[in-house]
Amino acid sequence: MRTFIHDQPALRVVFGDGRLADLPAEADRLGLKRLLVLSTPEQKEAGETALRLLGSRAAGLHAQARMHVPIEIAETARAEATRLQADGTAAIGGGTTTGLAKAIALELDLPSIAVPTTYAGSEMTSIYGLTADGEKKTGRAEKVRPKTVIYDPTLTYGMPPRLSATSGMNALAHCVESLYAADTTPIIQLYAADSIRAFARSLPVILREPTNAAARADAHYAAWLAGIALDRTVMGLHHKLCHTLGGSFDLPHADVHTVILPHATAYNSAAAPEAMRIIAAALGVEDAARGLYDLAKKLGAPVSLAEIGMKEADLDRAADLATRTPYPNPRPVERAPLRQLLDDAYHGRPPR
């Protein structure tokens, strides 16, 4: 008989087309009167929309979020929040912007409202990441978890099809690793399987019809479930490797996840047969790892590290960094097979 502990923290989710309009009411519900709105430079317009909606509840707009949350970017944002006497943040954007809100919360204890515009899923978690001295380090702290998440699928309509694909593959990685995590539970397995099914049916439609309302809502729903799965389990080889590649070599976050996922899945396949069965069934394929690889190709997403900017000369260093400290994974993480995994991923070969 299996044994487990399932712990589900409280987190408010507001879901539906047009629900960005609920932002002021959610701020009032939390008693927040001076929200610092966060975005990336590219999504400044979305930040300005949130600023207008909040009106007198807004302390200002800080549109300087950057991928992998470099420590200097985090420190600048913390200083800005202090200068403006903000009592909370409203993060509108993908995992990059949510990550900056978490970095602020980590030091200043400022609650946040997250408004995701991608499928990152990090808005559901207590996981944070900061990059310093060329290395990305992650941790968990309950105080960084957003207090409210507003899922408005209409905000994803402008996400380019390629980014929609890689963002969805990124979220699929959360599901895959949650299924073979040592601390997985039956509830998490249900979340992960339904998320995989929803992404598998919605992402191909989004590629053909970027403003298909049903598909966009389905993918946002899938991202929500994937985020819960990510939060409630300890991640393994895939996430460790992607944090190493992204933080140390400045590679695009979602692209790295897309390329590595089939190979990390194959690496763990023999050690996690039940997880592989669930993944394959949810994708409607025979083999989990090959199914993920074929899905990425079908979506026109990158399948090689070379095409997203990795240098072949850096593969040895990446293998060294990824095996420097032990971490939980179904199969022991050893340098030789990991180096082969990286070589396959670099060249875009199908997973072994």
Protein backbone atom coordinates (compact mmCIF):
# COMPACT_ATOMS: atom_id res chain seq x y z
CA MET A 1 0.00 0.00 0.00
CA ARG A 2 1.39 3.41 -0.93
CA THR A 3 1.81 6.07 1.74
CA PHE A 4 2.03 9.81 1.25
CA ILE A 5 1.47 13.22 2.80
CA HIS A 6 -0.49 15.74 0.77
CA ASP A 7 -0.35 19.37 1.90
CA GLN A 8 -2.22 22.04 -0.06
CA PRO A 9 -1.57 25.69 0.84
CA ALA A 10 -4.33 28.25 0.42
CA LEU A 11 -4.09 30.40 -2.70
CA ARG A 12 -6.89 32.35 -4.38
CA VAL A 13 -7.37 31.89 -8.13
CA VAL A 14 -9.54 34.16 -10.25
CA PHE A 15 -10.02 32.60 -13.70
CA GLY A 16 -11.78 33.76 -16.87
CA ASP A 17 -11.75 36.03 -19.89
CA GLY A 18 -11.58 39.68 -18.90
CA ARG A 19 -10.79 38.99 -15.24
CA LEU A 20 -7.86 41.43 -15.28
CA ALA A 21 -10.60 43.93 -14.44
CA ASP A 22 -10.80 42.24 -11.01
CA LEU A 23 -7.33 43.50 -10.10
CA PRO A 24 -8.53 46.53 -8.08
CA ALA A 25 -11.04 44.42 -6.15
CA GLU A 26 -8.37 41.83 -5.38
CA ALA A 27 -6.06 44.58 -4.12
CA ASP A 28 -8.86 45.84 -1.85
CA ARG A 29 -9.53 42.32 -0.62
CA LEU A 30 -5.90 42.05 0.48
CA GLY A 31 -5.92 45.53 1.99
CA LEU A 32 -3.21 46.76 -0.39
CA LYS A 33 -3.17 50.50 -1.08
CA ARG A 34 0.22 51.09 -2.81
CA LEU A 35 0.96 48.33 -5.31
CA LEU A 36 4.15 48.48 -7.35
CA VAL A 37 3.28 47.12 -10.81
CA LEU A 38 6.00 44.92 -12.32
CA SER A 39 6.64 43.90 -15.92
CA THR A 40 9.44 43.30 -18.37
CA PRO A 41 10.43 46.17 -20.71
CA GLU A 42 8.70 44.28 -23.54
CA GLN A 43 5.43 44.10 -21.59
CA LYS A 44 5.45 47.65 -20.33
CA GLU A 45 2.16 48.33 -22.12
CA ALA A 46 0.46 45.56 -20.13
CA GLY A 47 1.96 47.06 -16.98
CA GLU A 48 0.53 50.45 -17.88
CA THR A 49 -2.90 48.87 -18.31
CA ALA A 50 -2.66 47.41 -14.82
CA LEU A 51 -1.48 50.79 -13.54
CA ARG A 52 -4.56 52.51 -14.97
CA LEU A 53 -6.89 49.88 -13.54
CA LEU A 54 -5.41 50.24 -10.07
CA GLY A 55 -5.63 54.03 -10.14
CA SER A 56 -4.90 55.46 -6.70
CA ARG A 57 -3.96 51.97 -5.43
CA ALA A 58 -0.81 52.00 -7.60
CA ALA A 59 2.54 53.24 -6.29
CA GLY A 60 4.16 53.12 -9.75
CA LEU A 61 5.39 50.91 -12.57
CA HIS A 62 8.75 49.14 -12.59
CA ALA A 63 9.19 47.60 -16.07
CA GLN A 64 12.68 46.19 -15.58
CA ALA A 65 12.15 42.46 -14.93
CA ARG A 66 14.79 40.26 -16.54
CA MET A 67 15.04 36.55 -17.23
CA HIS A 68 16.61 34.41 -14.45
CA VAL A 69 16.31 37.37 -12.00
CA PRO A 70 19.89 38.69 -11.87
CA ILE A 71 20.66 39.80 -8.32
CA GLU A 72 21.36 43.38 -9.40
CA ILE A 73 17.92 43.59 -11.02
CA ALA A 74 16.34 42.25 -7.83
CA GLU A 75 18.19 44.78 -5.68
CA THR A 76 17.15 47.68 -7.91
CA ALA A 77 13.50 46.58 -7.73
CA ARG A 78 13.67 46.23 -3.95
CA ALA A 79 15.10 49.73 -3.68
CA GLU A 80 12.34 51.09 -5.91
CA ALA A 81 9.64 49.39 -3.83
CA THR A 82 11.14 50.91 -0.68
CA ARG A 83 11.46 54.36 -2.25
CA LEU A 84 7.82 54.33 -3.35
CA GLN A 85 6.65 52.92 0.01
CA ALA A 86 4.88 50.07 -1.77
CA ASP A 87 2.86 47.69 0.39
CA GLY A 88 2.62 44.99 -2.29
CA THR A 89 3.30 44.18 -5.92
CA ALA A 90 1.23 43.31 -8.98
CA ALA A 91 3.25 41.19 -11.41
CA ILE A 92 1.87 41.10 -14.94
CA GLY A 93 3.80 38.86 -17.32
CA GLY A 94 5.46 35.47 -17.40
CA GLY A 95 7.76 33.66 -15.02
CA THR A 96 10.36 36.42 -15.36
CA THR A 97 8.05 39.04 -13.84
CA THR A 98 6.62 36.67 -11.23
CA GLY A 99 10.21 35.85 -10.29
CA LEU A 100 11.00 39.50 -9.68
CA ALA A 101 7.95 39.85 -7.43
CA LYS A 102 9.20 36.87 -5.46
CA ALA A 103 12.67 38.38 -5.12
CA ILE A 104 11.07 41.51 -3.65
CA ALA A 105 8.89 39.47 -1.30
CA LEU A 106 11.87 37.44 -0.15
CA GLU A 107 13.60 40.50 1.32
CA LEU A 108 10.77 42.96 1.96
CA ASP A 109 7.84 40.62 2.81
CA LEU A 110 5.60 42.41 0.31
CA PRO A 111 2.56 40.34 -0.78
CA SER A 112 1.94 40.01 -4.50
CA ILE A 113 -0.86 39.53 -6.98
CA ALA A 114 0.25 37.61 -10.07
CA VAL A 115 -1.32 38.06 -13.49
CA PRO A 116 0.30 35.44 -15.74
CA THR A 117 0.49 36.09 -19.48
CA THR A 118 2.34 32.86 -20.29
CA TYR A 119 2.11 29.23 -19.17
CA ALA A 120 5.07 29.30 -16.76
CA GLY A 121 3.12 28.05 -13.72
CA SER A 122 5.54 29.65 -11.25
CA GLU A 123 2.77 31.93 -10.02
CA MET A 124 1.38 28.94 -8.08
CA THR A 125 4.60 28.18 -6.23
CA SER A 126 6.75 29.15 -3.27
CA ILE A 127 9.85 28.55 -5.40
CA TYR A 128 12.16 31.47 -6.19
CA GLY A 129 15.37 31.79 -8.19
CA LEU A 130 18.18 34.35 -8.28
CA THR A 131 21.24 34.50 -10.51
CA ALA A 132 24.54 35.78 -9.13
CA ASP A 133 28.14 35.28 -10.29
CA GLY A 134 26.97 33.30 -13.31
CA GLU A 135 25.05 30.71 -11.30
CA LYS A 136 21.31 30.44 -10.71
CA LYS A 137 20.24 29.26 -7.27
CA THR A 138 16.72 28.36 -6.26
CA GLY A 139 14.96 28.02 -2.94
CA ARG A 140 11.55 27.83 -1.32
CA ALA A 141 9.90 30.31 1.01
CA GLU A 142 6.19 30.51 1.71
CA LYS A 143 6.26 34.31 1.85
CA VAL A 144 7.12 34.60 -1.87
CA ARG A 145 3.99 32.74 -3.01
CA PRO A 146 1.50 35.20 -4.60
CA LYS A 147 -1.61 35.78 -2.50
CA THR A 148 -3.91 35.88 -5.54
CA VAL A 149 -3.45 34.71 -9.12
CA ILE A 150 -5.60 36.20 -11.88
CA TYR A 151 -5.77 33.99 -14.98
CA ASP A 152 -7.19 36.01 -17.87
CA PRO A 153 -6.70 33.89 -21.02
CA THR A 154 -7.26 36.93 -23.27
CA LEU A 155 -3.90 38.25 -22.06
CA THR A 156 -2.17 35.31 -23.77
CA TYR A 157 -3.59 36.10 -27.21
CA GLY A 158 -0.59 38.27 -28.05
CA MET A 159 1.92 35.58 -27.09
CA PRO A 160 3.66 34.55 -30.33
CA PRO A 161 2.91 30.98 -31.40
CA ARG A 162 6.52 29.86 -30.86
CA LEU A 163 6.59 31.29 -27.33
CA SER A 164 3.21 29.69 -26.65
CA ALA A 165 4.74 26.35 -27.64
CA THR A 166 7.89 26.66 -25.51
CA SER A 167 5.99 28.10 -22.55
CA GLY A 168 3.64 25.13 -22.70
CA MET A 169 6.54 22.68 -22.93
CA ASN A 170 8.09 24.38 -19.90
CA ALA A 171 4.89 23.74 -17.94
CA LEU A 172 4.77 20.14 -19.18
CA ALA A 173 8.18 19.67 -17.56
CA HIS A 174 6.65 20.50 -14.19
CA CYS A 175 4.10 17.74 -14.70
CA VAL A 176 6.64 15.17 -15.86
CA GLU A 177 8.94 15.66 -12.88
CA SER A 178 6.09 15.79 -10.40
CA LEU A 179 5.00 12.32 -11.56
CA TYR A 180 8.28 10.64 -10.66
CA ALA A 181 9.12 12.78 -7.62
CA ALA A 182 9.63 10.85 -4.39
CA ASP A 183 7.00 13.01 -2.68
CA THR A 184 4.30 12.80 -5.35
CA THR A 185 0.74 12.01 -4.28
CA PRO A 186 -2.37 10.65 -6.04
CA ILE A 187 -3.80 14.18 -6.21
CA ILE A 188 -0.66 15.58 -7.82
CA GLN A 189 -0.70 12.72 -10.32
CA LEU A 190 -4.27 13.65 -11.27
CA TYR A 191 -3.30 17.32 -11.70
CA ALA A 192 -0.24 16.43 -13.77
CA ALA A 193 -2.03 13.98 -16.05
CA ASP A 194 -4.93 16.37 -16.74
CA SER A 195 -2.48 19.20 -17.40
CA ILE A 196 -0.56 17.10 -19.93
CA ARG A 197 -3.81 16.14 -21.68
CA ALA A 198 -4.95 19.77 -21.81
CA PHE A 199 -1.65 20.99 -23.24
CA ALA A 200 -1.49 18.16 -25.78
CA ARG A 201 -4.91 19.13 -27.19
CA SER A 202 -4.65 22.93 -26.88
CA LEU A 203 -1.12 23.81 -28.04
CA PRO A 204 -1.51 22.51 -31.62
CA VAL A 205 -4.74 24.52 -31.94
CA ILE A 206 -3.05 27.67 -30.61
CA LEU A 207 -0.30 27.27 -33.21
CA ARG A 208 -2.94 27.31 -35.96
CA GLU A 209 -5.32 29.80 -34.33
CA PRO A 210 -3.50 32.04 -31.81
CA THR A 211 -6.73 33.72 -30.68
CA ASN A 212 -8.81 30.57 -30.29
CA ALA A 213 -10.56 31.35 -27.00
CA ALA A 214 -11.25 27.75 -25.97
CA ALA A 215 -7.67 26.62 -26.64
CA ARG A 216 -6.16 29.60 -24.82
CA ALA A 217 -8.37 28.96 -21.78
CA ASP A 218 -7.51 25.25 -21.88
CA ALA A 219 -3.78 26.01 -21.91
CA HIS A 220 -4.10 28.51 -19.05
CA TYR A 221 -6.00 25.88 -17.09
CA ALA A 222 -3.22 23.39 -17.83
CA ALA A 223 -0.59 25.88 -16.65
CA TRP A 224 -2.48 26.34 -13.37
CA LEU A 225 -2.45 22.58 -12.70
CA ALA A 226 1.21 22.31 -13.75
CA GLY A 227 2.11 25.05 -11.30
CA ILE A 228 0.45 23.20 -8.44
CA ALA A 229 2.33 20.02 -9.39
CA LEU A 230 5.61 21.95 -9.45
CA ASP A 231 4.96 23.49 -6.06
CA ARG A 232 3.96 20.35 -4.20
CA THR A 233 6.89 18.13 -5.24
CA VAL A 234 10.67 18.22 -5.31
CA MET A 235 12.03 18.60 -8.82
CA GLY A 236 14.82 16.40 -10.21
CA LEU A 237 17.32 16.22 -13.05
CA HIS A 238 15.32 18.15 -15.62
CA HIS A 239 14.87 21.32 -13.57
CA LYS A 240 18.39 21.17 -12.12
CA LEU A 241 19.85 20.92 -15.59
CA CYS A 242 17.67 23.69 -17.01
CA HIS A 243 18.55 26.05 -14.15
CA THR A 244 22.22 25.30 -14.79
CA LEU A 245 21.97 25.92 -18.52
CA GLY A 246 19.75 28.98 -18.21
CA GLY A 247 21.49 30.71 -15.33
CA SER A 248 25.10 29.92 -16.19
CA PHE A 249 24.89 30.28 -19.97
CA ASP A 250 22.06 32.84 -20.24
CA LEU A 251 19.85 30.67 -22.44
CA PRO A 252 16.12 31.39 -22.87
CA HIS A 253 14.26 29.75 -20.00
CA ALA A 254 11.33 28.16 -21.82
CA ASP A 255 13.49 27.13 -24.79
CA VAL A 256 15.91 25.26 -22.52
CA HIS A 257 13.04 23.37 -20.89
CA THR A 258 11.65 22.47 -24.31
CA VAL A 259 14.94 21.03 -25.56
CA ILE A 260 15.96 19.17 -22.39
CA LEU A 261 12.58 17.68 -21.42
CA PRO A 262 12.51 14.65 -23.79
CA HIS A 263 16.11 13.75 -22.91
CA ALA A 264 15.68 14.07 -19.14
CA THR A 265 12.51 11.98 -19.43
CA ALA A 266 14.38 9.28 -21.34
CA TYR A 267 17.21 9.36 -18.77
CA ASN A 268 14.71 8.55 -16.00
CA SER A 269 12.40 6.25 -17.96
CA ALA A 270 13.63 2.88 -16.70
CA ALA A 271 13.65 4.11 -13.11
CA ALA A 272 10.11 5.51 -13.22
CA PRO A 273 7.90 3.19 -15.30
CA GLU A 274 4.58 4.25 -13.75
CA ALA A 275 5.30 7.92 -14.42
CA MET A 276 6.19 7.07 -18.02
CA ARG A 277 2.93 5.15 -18.41
CA ILE A 278 0.89 8.13 -17.18
CA ILE A 279 2.77 10.60 -19.43
CA ALA A 280 2.42 8.42 -22.52
CA ALA A 281 -1.28 7.83 -21.89
CA ALA A 282 -1.93 11.54 -21.40
CA LEU A 283 -0.10 12.36 -24.63
CA GLY A 284 -1.79 9.49 -26.47
CA VAL A 285 1.52 7.91 -27.52
CA GLU A 286 3.47 4.70 -26.89
CA ASP A 287 6.69 6.21 -25.49
CA ALA A 288 6.73 9.19 -23.12
CA ALA A 289 10.11 10.66 -24.04
CA ARG A 290 9.66 10.27 -27.78
CA GLY A 291 6.12 11.66 -27.49
CA LEU A 292 7.44 14.85 -25.86
CA TYR A 293 10.13 15.21 -28.53
CA ASP A 294 7.61 14.71 -31.34
CA LEU A 295 5.22 17.21 -29.75
CA ALA A 296 7.96 19.86 -29.63
CA LYS A 297 8.75 19.26 -33.31
CA LYS A 298 5.07 19.35 -34.22
CA LEU A 299 4.77 22.73 -32.51
CA GLY A 300 7.80 24.11 -34.36
CA ALA A 301 9.64 24.53 -31.06
CA PRO A 302 13.43 24.17 -30.78
CA VAL A 303 14.78 20.66 -30.24
CA SER A 304 18.52 21.38 -30.02
CA LEU A 305 20.66 23.42 -27.64
CA ALA A 306 22.70 24.63 -30.62
CA GLU A 307 19.74 26.50 -32.10
CA ILE A 308 19.03 28.40 -28.86
CA GLY A 309 22.58 29.68 -28.40
CA MET A 310 24.48 27.00 -26.46
CA LYS A 311 28.13 26.52 -27.43
CA GLU A 312 29.40 22.97 -27.83
CA ALA A 313 32.56 23.96 -25.98
CA ASP A 314 30.46 24.67 -22.86
CA LEU A 315 28.89 21.21 -22.59
CA ASP A 316 31.64 19.85 -20.35
CA ARG A 317 31.30 22.75 -17.93
CA ALA A 318 27.51 22.31 -17.91
CA ALA A 319 27.92 18.63 -17.02
CA ASP A 320 30.32 19.54 -14.22
CA LEU A 321 27.96 22.18 -12.79
CA ALA A 322 24.92 19.89 -12.97
CA THR A 323 26.68 17.10 -11.06
CA ARG A 324 28.41 19.30 -8.50
CA THR A 325 25.87 18.69 -5.74
CA PRO A 326 23.53 15.71 -5.24
CA TYR A 327 19.77 16.14 -5.62
CA PRO A 328 16.78 13.79 -5.69
CA ASN A 329 16.15 11.99 -8.96
CA PRO A 330 14.75 8.51 -9.76
CA ARG A 331 18.01 7.47 -11.45
CA PRO A 332 21.40 8.46 -9.97
CA VAL A 333 22.83 11.48 -11.77
CA GLU A 334 26.22 10.44 -13.13
CA ARG A 335 28.51 12.57 -15.25
CA ALA A 336 29.11 10.22 -18.22
CA PRO A 337 25.45 9.55 -19.11
CA LEU A 338 24.58 13.16 -18.33
CA ARG A 339 27.29 14.35 -20.72
CA GLN A 340 25.81 12.04 -23.38
CA LEU A 341 22.35 13.51 -22.67
CA LEU A 342 23.74 17.02 -23.23
CA ASP A 343 25.42 15.96 -26.46
CA ASP A 344 22.17 14.48 -27.78
CA ALA A 345 20.30 17.63 -26.75
CA TYR A 346 22.94 19.86 -28.34
CA HIS A 347 22.61 18.13 -31.69
CA GLY A 348 18.82 17.75 -31.53
CA ARG A 349 18.83 13.97 -31.73
CA PRO A 350 15.73 12.03 -30.65
CA PRO A 351 15.92 10.95 -26.99
CA ARG A 352 17.65 7.64 -26.33
